[in-house]
Amino acid sequence: MLKIEVTRTASEESIHVRMAGEIDAPVAQYGVAALHRALSAVTPPTVIVLDLSDLKALAAAGARSILGFADARVRGGFELRLVADPEGVVTEILRLTSRQAALLVYDTAAAALRLAAPPATSD
């Protein structure tokens, strides 16, 4: 079973999307369609932090769907940051499935969100 949780951060400049459970072939299209619906009202240049650290399983079809979602959002003007164990199986499947040579993955949502925060100003 796949669970998707979307939270707007306090700064209103980023969205934290946490996916938990399993994304196998039958769930892949449903999961990505749910992501698109959940983020349909979000406009660029919002940072989307896609947190995959609670995924228990990710099939190649699921990885292709997630990467397609990421590509579409980046082409649409969003900045997308992935969160997963850098040495874990989810990251490895994403890297093997990705058409890009390098895939930037953060080890925690806090690290990805911290980079999304606006710079501090001094008065």
C-alpha atoms as a PDB file:
ATOM      1  CA  MET A   1       0.000   0.000   0.000  1.00  0.00           C
ATOM      2  CA  LEU A   2       1.250   3.476  -0.895  1.00  0.00           C
ATOM      3  CA  LYS A   3       0.749   6.501   1.328  1.00  0.00           C
ATOM      4  CA  ILE A   4       1.380  10.067   0.147  1.00  0.00           C
ATOM      5  CA  GLU A   5       1.540  12.982   2.576  1.00  0.00           C
ATOM      6  CA  VAL A   6       1.947  16.576   1.355  1.00  0.00           C
ATOM      7  CA  THR A   7       2.959  19.381   3.734  1.00  0.00           C
ATOM      8  CA  ARG A   8       3.632  23.017   2.880  1.00  0.00           C
ATOM      9  CA  THR A   9       6.537  24.342   4.914  1.00  0.00           C
ATOM     10  CA  ALA A  10       6.223  27.390   7.131  1.00  0.00           C
ATOM     11  CA  SER A  11       8.149  29.519   4.639  1.00  0.00           C
ATOM     12  CA  GLU A  12       5.495  28.750   1.972  1.00  0.00           C
ATOM     13  CA  GLU A  13       8.376  28.384  -0.490  1.00  0.00           C
ATOM     14  CA  SER A  14       8.637  24.621  -0.375  1.00  0.00           C
ATOM     15  CA  ILE A  15       6.464  21.529  -0.280  1.00  0.00           C
ATOM     16  CA  HIS A  16       7.442  18.313   1.519  1.00  0.00           C
ATOM     17  CA  VAL A  17       5.964  15.230  -0.157  1.00  0.00           C
ATOM     18  CA  ARG A  18       6.521  12.014   1.788  1.00  0.00           C
ATOM     19  CA  MET A  19       5.848   8.682   0.115  1.00  0.00           C
ATOM     20  CA  ALA A  20       5.682   5.564   2.277  1.00  0.00           C
ATOM     21  CA  GLY A  21       4.984   1.944   1.487  1.00  0.00           C
ATOM     22  CA  GLU A  22       5.674   0.202  -1.806  1.00  0.00           C
ATOM     23  CA  ILE A  23       5.675   1.360  -5.400  1.00  0.00           C
ATOM     24  CA  ASP A  24       5.471  -1.699  -7.597  1.00  0.00           C
ATOM     25  CA  ALA A  25       4.318  -1.855 -11.230  1.00  0.00           C
ATOM     26  CA  PRO A  26       0.543  -1.850 -10.508  1.00  0.00           C
ATOM     27  CA  VAL A  27       0.853   1.092  -8.098  1.00  0.00           C
ATOM     28  CA  ALA A  28       3.321   3.191 -10.142  1.00  0.00           C
ATOM     29  CA  GLN A  29       0.855   5.039 -12.393  1.00  0.00           C
ATOM     30  CA  TYR A  30      -1.661   5.493  -9.565  1.00  0.00           C
ATOM     31  CA  GLY A  31       1.033   6.909  -7.290  1.00  0.00           C
ATOM     32  CA  VAL A  32       2.317   9.421  -9.810  1.00  0.00           C
ATOM     33  CA  ALA A  33      -1.211  10.470 -10.768  1.00  0.00           C
ATOM     34  CA  ALA A  34      -1.878  11.058  -7.052  1.00  0.00           C
ATOM     35  CA  LEU A  35       1.282  13.181  -6.837  1.00  0.00           C
ATOM     36  CA  HIS A  36       0.173  15.306  -9.789  1.00  0.00           C
ATOM     37  CA  ARG A  37      -3.284  15.787  -8.227  1.00  0.00           C
ATOM     38  CA  ALA A  38      -1.833  16.647  -4.830  1.00  0.00           C
ATOM     39  CA  LEU A  39       0.444  19.284  -6.332  1.00  0.00           C
ATOM     40  CA  SER A  40      -1.880  20.649  -9.013  1.00  0.00           C
ATOM     41  CA  ALA A  41      -2.352  23.988  -7.220  1.00  0.00           C
ATOM     42  CA  VAL A  42       1.344  24.502  -6.503  1.00  0.00           C
ATOM     43  CA  THR A  43       3.047  27.040  -8.758  1.00  0.00           C
ATOM     44  CA  PRO A  44       6.706  27.591  -9.619  1.00  0.00           C
ATOM     45  CA  PRO A  45       9.264  28.429  -8.336  1.00  0.00           C
ATOM     46  CA  THR A  46       8.262  26.314  -5.345  1.00  0.00           C
ATOM     47  CA  VAL A  47      10.821  23.762  -4.171  1.00  0.00           C
ATOM     48  CA  ILE A  48       9.375  20.240  -4.003  1.00  0.00           C
ATOM     49  CA  VAL A  49      11.123  17.907  -1.582  1.00  0.00           C
ATOM     50  CA  LEU A  50      10.157  14.378  -2.618  1.00  0.00           C
ATOM     51  CA  ASP A  51      10.891  12.211   0.424  1.00  0.00           C
ATOM     52  CA  LEU A  52      11.286   8.536  -0.468  1.00  0.00           C
ATOM     53  CA  SER A  53      13.029   7.550   2.768  1.00  0.00           C
ATOM     54  CA  ASP A  54       9.986   5.583   3.993  1.00  0.00           C
ATOM     55  CA  LEU A  55       9.570   3.491   0.853  1.00  0.00           C
ATOM     56  CA  LYS A  56       9.877  -0.200   1.620  1.00  0.00           C
ATOM     57  CA  ALA A  57      10.077  -1.285  -2.036  1.00  0.00           C
ATOM     58  CA  LEU A  58      10.498   0.411  -5.396  1.00  0.00           C
ATOM     59  CA  ALA A  59      10.093  -1.503  -8.634  1.00  0.00           C
ATOM     60  CA  ALA A  60      11.709  -0.296 -11.854  1.00  0.00           C
ATOM     61  CA  ALA A  61       8.265   0.815 -13.107  1.00  0.00           C
ATOM     62  CA  GLY A  62       7.848   2.885  -9.947  1.00  0.00           C
ATOM     63  CA  ALA A  63      11.282   4.438 -10.378  1.00  0.00           C
ATOM     64  CA  ARG A  64      10.503   5.341 -14.001  1.00  0.00           C
ATOM     65  CA  SER A  65       7.223   6.926 -12.888  1.00  0.00           C
ATOM     66  CA  ILE A  66       8.898   8.955 -10.137  1.00  0.00           C
ATOM     67  CA  LEU A  67      11.661  10.101 -12.485  1.00  0.00           C
ATOM     68  CA  GLY A  68       9.056  11.051 -15.107  1.00  0.00           C
ATOM     69  CA  PHE A  69       7.203  13.065 -12.463  1.00  0.00           C
ATOM     70  CA  ALA A  70      10.463  14.737 -11.443  1.00  0.00           C
ATOM     71  CA  ASP A  71      11.369  15.573 -15.061  1.00  0.00           C
ATOM     72  CA  ALA A  72       7.911  17.058 -15.713  1.00  0.00           C
ATOM     73  CA  ARG A  73       8.062  19.216 -12.588  1.00  0.00           C
ATOM     74  CA  VAL A  74      11.578  20.470 -13.350  1.00  0.00           C
ATOM     75  CA  ARG A  75      10.540  21.319 -16.928  1.00  0.00           C
ATOM     76  CA  GLY A  76       7.571  23.153 -15.393  1.00  0.00           C
ATOM     77  CA  GLY A  77       9.861  25.477 -13.433  1.00  0.00           C
ATOM     78  CA  PHE A  78      10.038  23.715 -10.088  1.00  0.00           C
ATOM     79  CA  GLU A  79      13.143  22.734  -8.185  1.00  0.00           C
ATOM     80  CA  LEU A  80      12.867  19.115  -7.087  1.00  0.00           C
ATOM     81  CA  ARG A  81      14.960  17.514  -4.343  1.00  0.00           C
ATOM     82  CA  LEU A  82      14.903  13.787  -3.626  1.00  0.00           C
ATOM     83  CA  VAL A  83      15.342  12.375  -0.127  1.00  0.00           C
ATOM     84  CA  ALA A  84      16.458   8.766   0.338  1.00  0.00           C
ATOM     85  CA  ASP A  85      19.277   6.796   1.888  1.00  0.00           C
ATOM     86  CA  PRO A  86      22.188   7.666  -0.445  1.00  0.00           C
ATOM     87  CA  GLU A  87      23.498   4.112  -0.157  1.00  0.00           C
ATOM     88  CA  GLY A  88      20.091   2.401  -0.067  1.00  0.00           C
ATOM     89  CA  VAL A  89      18.282   0.268  -2.597  1.00  0.00           C
ATOM     90  CA  VAL A  90      15.741   2.989  -3.511  1.00  0.00           C
ATOM     91  CA  THR A  91      18.559   5.356  -4.515  1.00  0.00           C
ATOM     92  CA  GLU A  92      20.315   2.589  -6.423  1.00  0.00           C
ATOM     93  CA  ILE A  93      17.148   1.735  -8.382  1.00  0.00           C
ATOM     94  CA  LEU A  94      16.611   5.426  -9.186  1.00  0.00           C
ATOM     95  CA  ARG A  95      20.211   5.759 -10.377  1.00  0.00           C
ATOM     96  CA  LEU A  96      19.982   2.636 -12.530  1.00  0.00           C
ATOM     97  CA  THR A  97      16.693   3.817 -14.028  1.00  0.00           C
ATOM     98  CA  SER A  98      17.648   7.478 -14.495  1.00  0.00           C
ATOM     99  CA  ARG A  99      18.724   8.812 -17.858  1.00  0.00           C
ATOM    100  CA  GLN A 100      20.821  11.401 -16.055  1.00  0.00           C
ATOM    101  CA  ALA A 101      24.410  10.691 -15.122  1.00  0.00           C
ATOM    102  CA  ALA A 102      24.115  12.238 -11.668  1.00  0.00           C
ATOM    103  CA  LEU A 103      21.103  12.173  -9.386  1.00  0.00           C
ATOM    104  CA  LEU A 104      21.226  14.503  -6.396  1.00  0.00           C
ATOM    105  CA  VAL A 105      19.820  12.762  -3.318  1.00  0.00           C
ATOM    106  CA  TYR A 106      19.666  14.200   0.201  1.00  0.00           C
ATOM    107  CA  ASP A 107      19.934  11.864   3.181  1.00  0.00           C
ATOM    108  CA  THR A 108      17.244  13.660   5.227  1.00  0.00           C
ATOM    109  CA  ALA A 109      14.233  15.855   4.540  1.00  0.00           C
ATOM    110  CA  ALA A 110      15.636  18.385   7.008  1.00  0.00           C
ATOM    111  CA  ALA A 111      18.783  18.779   4.875  1.00  0.00           C
ATOM    112  CA  ALA A 112      16.757  19.245   1.682  1.00  0.00           C
ATOM    113  CA  LEU A 113      14.326  21.660   3.346  1.00  0.00           C
ATOM    114  CA  ARG A 114      17.116  23.618   5.032  1.00  0.00           C
ATOM    115  CA  LEU A 115      18.549  24.404   1.626  1.00  0.00           C
ATOM    116  CA  ALA A 116      15.100  25.593   0.516  1.00  0.00           C
ATOM    117  CA  ALA A 117      14.819  28.171   3.276  1.00  0.00           C
ATOM    118  CA  PRO A 118      15.212  31.800   2.244  1.00  0.00           C
ATOM    119  CA  PRO A 119      18.525  33.372   3.206  1.00  0.00           C
ATOM    120  CA  ALA A 120      18.620  35.266   6.489  1.00  0.00           C
ATOM    121  CA  THR A 121      18.682  39.024   6.184  1.00  0.00           C
ATOM    122  CA  SER A 122      20.427  41.378   8.536  1.00  0.00           C
ATOM    123  CA  ASP A 123      18.867  44.697   9.443  1.00  0.00           C
END
